[in-house]
Protein backbone atom coordinates (compact mmCIF):
# COMPACT_ATOMS: atom_id res chain seq x y z
CA MET A 1 -3.35 -11.81 -5.34
CA THR A 2 -5.63 -9.57 -8.32
CA ALA A 3 -6.50 -6.18 -8.36
CA ASP A 4 -10.45 -7.16 -8.09
CA GLU A 5 -8.86 -9.71 -4.78
CA TRP A 6 -7.38 -6.60 -2.92
CA ASN A 7 -9.62 -4.35 -3.90
CA ARG A 8 -12.37 -6.49 -2.00
CA LEU A 9 -10.14 -6.58 1.01
CA TYR A 10 -8.69 -3.37 1.25
CA PRO A 11 -10.71 -0.71 0.40
CA ILE A 12 -8.80 3.60 -0.44
CA GLY A 13 -7.45 4.39 2.28
CA THR A 14 -6.00 0.82 4.08
CA PRO A 15 -2.93 1.02 6.23
CA VAL A 16 -0.39 -0.27 5.20
CA LYS A 17 3.31 -0.78 6.01
CA TYR A 18 4.96 -0.19 2.36
CA TYR A 19 8.39 -2.01 2.04
CA PRO A 20 10.67 -0.54 -1.13
CA VAL A 21 13.29 -2.95 -1.15
CA ALA A 22 11.44 -6.56 -0.65
CA GLY A 23 13.66 -8.40 1.89
CA GLN A 24 14.60 -5.25 3.94
CA ALA A 25 13.22 -4.73 7.07
CA ASP A 26 12.99 -0.74 6.33
CA HIS A 27 9.24 0.59 5.45
CA VAL A 28 6.77 3.26 5.73
CA LYS A 29 3.62 3.89 7.45
CA THR A 30 1.93 5.09 4.60
CA TYR A 31 -2.51 4.23 3.29
CA THR A 32 -3.89 3.17 -0.36
CA ARG A 33 -5.19 6.16 -1.85
CA SER A 34 -6.66 4.22 -5.25
CA GLU A 35 -7.76 1.21 -6.15
CA ALA A 36 -5.15 -1.84 -7.57
CA TRP A 37 -5.09 -2.08 -11.28
CA GLU A 38 -3.01 -4.72 -13.07
CA LEU A 39 -0.06 -3.94 -15.00
CA PRO A 40 0.42 -4.99 -18.91
CA ASN A 41 3.35 -7.96 -17.73
CA GLY A 42 0.81 -9.23 -14.15
CA ILE A 43 2.43 -7.22 -12.03
CA VAL A 44 -0.57 -5.57 -9.03
CA VAL A 45 -0.09 -2.19 -8.45
CA VAL A 46 -1.80 0.75 -5.36
CA MET A 47 -0.88 4.23 -5.47
CA VAL A 48 0.03 5.07 -1.42
CA GLU A 49 0.90 8.09 0.28
CA SER A 50 4.12 10.02 0.56
CA ARG A 51 4.52 8.00 -3.41
CA THR A 52 4.46 9.01 -7.08
CA GLY A 53 2.32 6.32 -9.20
CA GLY A 54 1.43 2.38 -8.03
CA VAL A 55 3.72 0.28 -5.54
CA ALA A 56 3.62 -3.08 -6.43
CA ILE A 57 0.75 -5.08 -3.51
CA ALA A 58 3.82 -7.36 -2.81
CA HIS A 59 6.02 -4.83 -1.05
CA CYS A 60 2.10 -3.81 0.71
CA VAL A 61 1.17 -5.52 4.26
CA PRO A 62 -1.90 -3.98 5.03
CA VAL A 63 -2.15 -3.04 8.42
CA LYS A 64 -5.38 -3.99 10.89
CA ASP A 65 -4.43 -2.95 14.44
CA LEU A 66 -2.82 0.97 14.10
CA THR A 67 -0.48 2.24 17.13
CA ASP A 68 1.58 4.83 17.88
CA GLY A 69 3.87 6.95 14.92
CA TRP A 70 1.08 6.58 12.42
CA PRO A 71 0.66 9.41 11.10
CA MET A 72 -3.26 10.72 9.65
CA PRO A 73 -4.36 9.84 6.69
CA GLY A 74 -3.21 12.51 4.00
CA GLY A 75 -0.20 13.50 6.32
CA VAL A 76 3.20 13.80 5.31
CA PHE A 77 5.60 11.17 6.52
């Protein structure tokens, strides 16, 4: 997915499950805090709450149906 496609589908503030290690079940419930952009090496990244810098969108799963346990945007996790 390109940065433009991500930005059209998922505006800033979109809740996501962020998986720091691909293939592992552990994840962080968080929200996007920037638009996505492409790095010089072609990887598309986005900034999320509770993490510094951009994280690969390949490690983010947007969530449409929030359930109990989701923090408020801008909160501490």
